[in-house]
């Protein structure tokens, strides 16, 4: 299927690549289908692109690349919603806010995106009582937890 994207123009994708957010993501409740796209010449950051809205795309990263001991516990409702049976096949991503200079770039670690890669079900989980921040610095900081 062909989709229009914010950063890659028109591209072909397969149904197997689509992530399904049952209730959308916070602020975008009607956006339920996304795809992860690579950024050229970039290993640490990718794009979470809406299937239905070309201009809706987020820069994302794996927080474990930057934050020592990043961890949190999922509630049972989220585990059930994503049909998680084990820790295997679970991916965690953070939405990034790019700043100038780049070293001031932050990630939303208080609301990570959790993906069950076995069935492509995904959810942005809001962590309550978290030591993590919505705009957590990625560079030069660690989290004591």
C-alpha atoms as a PDB file:
ATOM      1  CA  UNK A   1       0.000   0.000   0.000  1.00  0.00           C
ATOM      2  CA  UNK A   2       1.189   3.538  -0.673  1.00  0.00           C
ATOM      3  CA  UNK A   3       1.209   6.262   1.966  1.00  0.00           C
ATOM      4  CA  UNK A   4       2.336   9.865   2.054  1.00  0.00           C
ATOM      5  CA  UNK A   5       4.839  10.753   4.767  1.00  0.00           C
ATOM      6  CA  UNK A   6       6.238  13.890   6.317  1.00  0.00           C
ATOM      7  CA  UNK A   7       9.923  13.117   5.795  1.00  0.00           C
ATOM      8  CA  UNK A   8      10.047  10.416   3.102  1.00  0.00           C
ATOM      9  CA  UNK A   9       7.449  11.540   0.540  1.00  0.00           C
ATOM     10  CA  UNK A  10       5.265   8.795  -0.904  1.00  0.00           C
ATOM     11  CA  UNK A  11       6.394   5.272  -0.022  1.00  0.00           C
ATOM     12  CA  UNK A  12       5.201   1.685  -0.274  1.00  0.00           C
ATOM     13  CA  UNK A  13       4.598  -0.191   2.965  1.00  0.00           C
ATOM     14  CA  UNK A  14       3.328  -3.640   3.805  1.00  0.00           C
ATOM     15  CA  UNK A  15       0.466  -4.467   6.145  1.00  0.00           C
ATOM     16  CA  UNK A  16       2.906  -6.392   8.388  1.00  0.00           C
ATOM     17  CA  UNK A  17       4.773  -3.160   9.232  1.00  0.00           C
ATOM     18  CA  UNK A  18       1.767  -1.297  10.643  1.00  0.00           C
ATOM     19  CA  UNK A  19       1.583  -0.698  14.402  1.00  0.00           C
ATOM     20  CA  UNK A  20      -1.916  -0.572  15.907  1.00  0.00           C
ATOM     21  CA  UNK A  21      -2.680   1.873  18.728  1.00  0.00           C
ATOM     22  CA  UNK A  22      -6.162   0.810  19.857  1.00  0.00           C
ATOM     23  CA  UNK A  23      -7.041   4.236  21.314  1.00  0.00           C
ATOM     24  CA  UNK A  24      -4.660   6.363  19.276  1.00  0.00           C
ATOM     25  CA  UNK A  25      -1.971   8.247  21.149  1.00  0.00           C
ATOM     26  CA  UNK A  26      -2.516  11.070  23.661  1.00  0.00           C
ATOM     27  CA  UNK A  27      -3.559  14.187  21.781  1.00  0.00           C
ATOM     28  CA  UNK A  28      -4.376  12.166  18.651  1.00  0.00           C
ATOM     29  CA  UNK A  29      -7.112   9.684  19.651  1.00  0.00           C
ATOM     30  CA  UNK A  30      -8.194   8.997  16.052  1.00  0.00           C
ATOM     31  CA  UNK A  31      -4.674   8.156  14.834  1.00  0.00           C
ATOM     32  CA  UNK A  32      -4.537   4.406  15.373  1.00  0.00           C
ATOM     33  CA  UNK A  33      -2.099   3.198  12.714  1.00  0.00           C
ATOM     34  CA  UNK A  34       1.580   4.111  12.502  1.00  0.00           C
ATOM     35  CA  UNK A  35       4.751   2.791  10.954  1.00  0.00           C
ATOM     36  CA  UNK A  36       8.376   3.155  12.011  1.00  0.00           C
ATOM     37  CA  UNK A  37      10.651   4.511   9.300  1.00  0.00           C
ATOM     38  CA  UNK A  38      14.425   4.781   9.345  1.00  0.00           C
ATOM     39  CA  UNK A  39      16.137   8.134   9.017  1.00  0.00           C
ATOM     40  CA  UNK A  40      18.936   8.226   6.433  1.00  0.00           C
ATOM     41  CA  UNK A  41      22.443   7.928   7.906  1.00  0.00           C
ATOM     42  CA  UNK A  42      21.005   7.646  11.404  1.00  0.00           C
ATOM     43  CA  UNK A  43      21.120   4.633  13.709  1.00  0.00           C
ATOM     44  CA  UNK A  44      19.809   6.123  16.956  1.00  0.00           C
ATOM     45  CA  UNK A  45      16.675   7.920  15.769  1.00  0.00           C
ATOM     46  CA  UNK A  46      13.696   6.887  13.619  1.00  0.00           C
ATOM     47  CA  UNK A  47      10.314   8.290  12.629  1.00  0.00           C
ATOM     48  CA  UNK A  48       6.933   7.159  13.954  1.00  0.00           C
ATOM     49  CA  UNK A  49       4.744   8.040  10.963  1.00  0.00           C
ATOM     50  CA  UNK A  50       0.948   8.103  10.938  1.00  0.00           C
ATOM     51  CA  UNK A  51      -0.576   5.995   8.175  1.00  0.00           C
ATOM     52  CA  UNK A  52      -3.570   8.311   7.776  1.00  0.00           C
ATOM     53  CA  UNK A  53      -2.050  11.783   8.226  1.00  0.00           C
ATOM     54  CA  UNK A  54       1.093  12.574   6.227  1.00  0.00           C
ATOM     55  CA  UNK A  55       2.107  15.527   8.399  1.00  0.00           C
ATOM     56  CA  UNK A  56       1.841  13.577  11.660  1.00  0.00           C
ATOM     57  CA  UNK A  57       5.246  12.107  12.401  1.00  0.00           C
ATOM     58  CA  UNK A  58       7.364  11.934  15.545  1.00  0.00           C
ATOM     59  CA  UNK A  59      11.092  11.474  15.926  1.00  0.00           C
ATOM     60  CA  UNK A  60      11.631   8.494  18.235  1.00  0.00           C
ATOM     61  CA  UNK A  61      14.498   6.630  19.858  1.00  0.00           C
ATOM     62  CA  UNK A  62      15.201   3.642  22.013  1.00  0.00           C
ATOM     63  CA  UNK A  63      15.725   5.199  25.483  1.00  0.00           C
ATOM     64  CA  UNK A  64      18.035   2.359  26.519  1.00  0.00           C
ATOM     65  CA  UNK A  65      20.682   3.825  24.178  1.00  0.00           C
ATOM     66  CA  UNK A  66      20.870   6.909  26.399  1.00  0.00           C
ATOM     67  CA  UNK A  67      19.568   6.199  29.907  1.00  0.00           C
ATOM     68  CA  UNK A  68      21.186   3.753  32.309  1.00  0.00           C
ATOM     69  CA  UNK A  69      18.716   1.595  34.215  1.00  0.00           C
ATOM     70  CA  UNK A  70      15.597   2.940  32.473  1.00  0.00           C
ATOM     71  CA  UNK A  71      12.826   0.752  33.808  1.00  0.00           C
ATOM     72  CA  UNK A  72       9.162   0.826  34.671  1.00  0.00           C
ATOM     73  CA  UNK A  73       6.348  -1.587  35.416  1.00  0.00           C
ATOM     74  CA  UNK A  74       3.337  -1.943  33.139  1.00  0.00           C
ATOM     75  CA  UNK A  75      -0.105  -2.143  34.705  1.00  0.00           C
ATOM     76  CA  UNK A  76      -2.203  -5.239  34.089  1.00  0.00           C
ATOM     77  CA  UNK A  77      -4.650  -3.376  31.832  1.00  0.00           C
ATOM     78  CA  UNK A  78      -1.816  -2.444  29.455  1.00  0.00           C
ATOM     79  CA  UNK A  79      -0.404  -5.978  29.530  1.00  0.00           C
ATOM     80  CA  UNK A  80      -3.849  -7.312  28.627  1.00  0.00           C
ATOM     81  CA  UNK A  81      -4.492  -4.670  25.957  1.00  0.00           C
ATOM     82  CA  UNK A  82      -1.175  -5.386  24.206  1.00  0.00           C
ATOM     83  CA  UNK A  83      -1.593  -9.161  24.731  1.00  0.00           C
ATOM     84  CA  UNK A  84       1.841  -9.386  26.361  1.00  0.00           C
ATOM     85  CA  UNK A  85       2.717 -12.877  27.554  1.00  0.00           C
ATOM     86  CA  UNK A  86       6.468 -12.484  28.246  1.00  0.00           C
ATOM     87  CA  UNK A  87       9.167  -9.812  28.112  1.00  0.00           C
ATOM     88  CA  UNK A  88      10.384 -11.276  24.820  1.00  0.00           C
ATOM     89  CA  UNK A  89       9.256  -9.289  21.796  1.00  0.00           C
ATOM     90  CA  UNK A  90       8.580  -6.056  23.649  1.00  0.00           C
ATOM     91  CA  UNK A  91      10.023  -2.828  22.252  1.00  0.00           C
ATOM     92  CA  UNK A  92      10.137   0.497  24.103  1.00  0.00           C
ATOM     93  CA  UNK A  93      10.533   3.868  22.376  1.00  0.00           C
ATOM     94  CA  UNK A  94      10.480   7.491  23.434  1.00  0.00           C
ATOM     95  CA  UNK A  95       9.204  10.476  21.463  1.00  0.00           C
ATOM     96  CA  UNK A  96      12.036  12.956  20.997  1.00  0.00           C
ATOM     97  CA  UNK A  97      12.022  16.749  20.995  1.00  0.00           C
ATOM     98  CA  UNK A  98      15.016  17.969  19.005  1.00  0.00           C
ATOM     99  CA  UNK A  99      16.656  21.131  20.332  1.00  0.00           C
ATOM    100  CA  UNK A 100      19.440  23.453  19.208  1.00  0.00           C
ATOM    101  CA  UNK A 101      22.139  22.713  20.032  1.00  0.00           C
ATOM    102  CA  UNK A 102      21.445  19.012  19.466  1.00  0.00           C
ATOM    103  CA  UNK A 103      23.006  18.088  22.826  1.00  0.00           C
ATOM    104  CA  UNK A 104      19.943  19.631  24.516  1.00  0.00           C
ATOM    105  CA  UNK A 105      17.593  17.168  22.796  1.00  0.00           C
ATOM    106  CA  UNK A 106      15.081  15.510  25.125  1.00  0.00           C
ATOM    107  CA  UNK A 107      12.832  12.442  25.124  1.00  0.00           C
ATOM    108  CA  UNK A 108       9.501  11.783  26.770  1.00  0.00           C
ATOM    109  CA  UNK A 109      10.460   9.057  29.224  1.00  0.00           C
ATOM    110  CA  UNK A 110       7.352   9.584  31.346  1.00  0.00           C
ATOM    111  CA  UNK A 111       5.157   8.361  28.484  1.00  0.00           C
ATOM    112  CA  UNK A 112       7.050   5.669  26.563  1.00  0.00           C
ATOM    113  CA  UNK A 113       5.639   3.843  23.576  1.00  0.00           C
ATOM    114  CA  UNK A 114       5.419   0.112  24.263  1.00  0.00           C
ATOM    115  CA  UNK A 115       5.124  -2.271  21.314  1.00  0.00           C
ATOM    116  CA  UNK A 116       4.363  -5.965  21.316  1.00  0.00           C
ATOM    117  CA  UNK A 117       6.390  -6.912  18.226  1.00  0.00           C
ATOM    118  CA  UNK A 118       4.681 -10.305  18.024  1.00  0.00           C
ATOM    119  CA  UNK A 119       1.308  -8.788  17.105  1.00  0.00           C
ATOM    120  CA  UNK A 120       2.172  -5.099  16.374  1.00  0.00           C
ATOM    121  CA  UNK A 121      -0.113  -3.819  19.127  1.00  0.00           C
ATOM    122  CA  UNK A 122       1.219  -0.585  20.613  1.00  0.00           C
ATOM    123  CA  UNK A 123       0.376   1.980  23.259  1.00  0.00           C
ATOM    124  CA  UNK A 124       1.853   5.170  24.610  1.00  0.00           C
ATOM    125  CA  UNK A 125       1.871   4.456  28.337  1.00  0.00           C
ATOM    126  CA  UNK A 126       1.681   7.323  30.821  1.00  0.00           C
ATOM    127  CA  UNK A 127       3.724   6.467  33.900  1.00  0.00           C
ATOM    128  CA  UNK A 128       2.303   7.858  37.135  1.00  0.00           C
ATOM    129  CA  UNK A 129       4.642   8.716  40.016  1.00  0.00           C
ATOM    130  CA  UNK A 130       7.598   8.386  37.674  1.00  0.00           C
ATOM    131  CA  UNK A 131      11.147   9.617  38.253  1.00  0.00           C
ATOM    132  CA  UNK A 132      11.282  10.210  34.496  1.00  0.00           C
ATOM    133  CA  UNK A 133      10.386  13.481  32.820  1.00  0.00           C
ATOM    134  CA  UNK A 134       8.341  14.451  29.791  1.00  0.00           C
ATOM    135  CA  UNK A 135      11.405  16.324  28.521  1.00  0.00           C
ATOM    136  CA  UNK A 136      14.197  14.164  29.886  1.00  0.00           C
ATOM    137  CA  UNK A 137      17.681  15.146  28.651  1.00  0.00           C
ATOM    138  CA  UNK A 138      19.241  12.424  26.495  1.00  0.00           C
ATOM    139  CA  UNK A 139      22.828  13.552  26.667  1.00  0.00           C
ATOM    140  CA  UNK A 140      25.081  13.842  29.699  1.00  0.00           C
ATOM    141  CA  UNK A 141      22.549  12.615  32.248  1.00  0.00           C
ATOM    142  CA  UNK A 142      21.591   9.340  33.818  1.00  0.00           C
ATOM    143  CA  UNK A 143      18.653   8.341  35.928  1.00  0.00           C
ATOM    144  CA  UNK A 144      19.135   7.038  39.444  1.00  0.00           C
ATOM    145  CA  UNK A 145      16.400   4.584  40.135  1.00  0.00           C
END
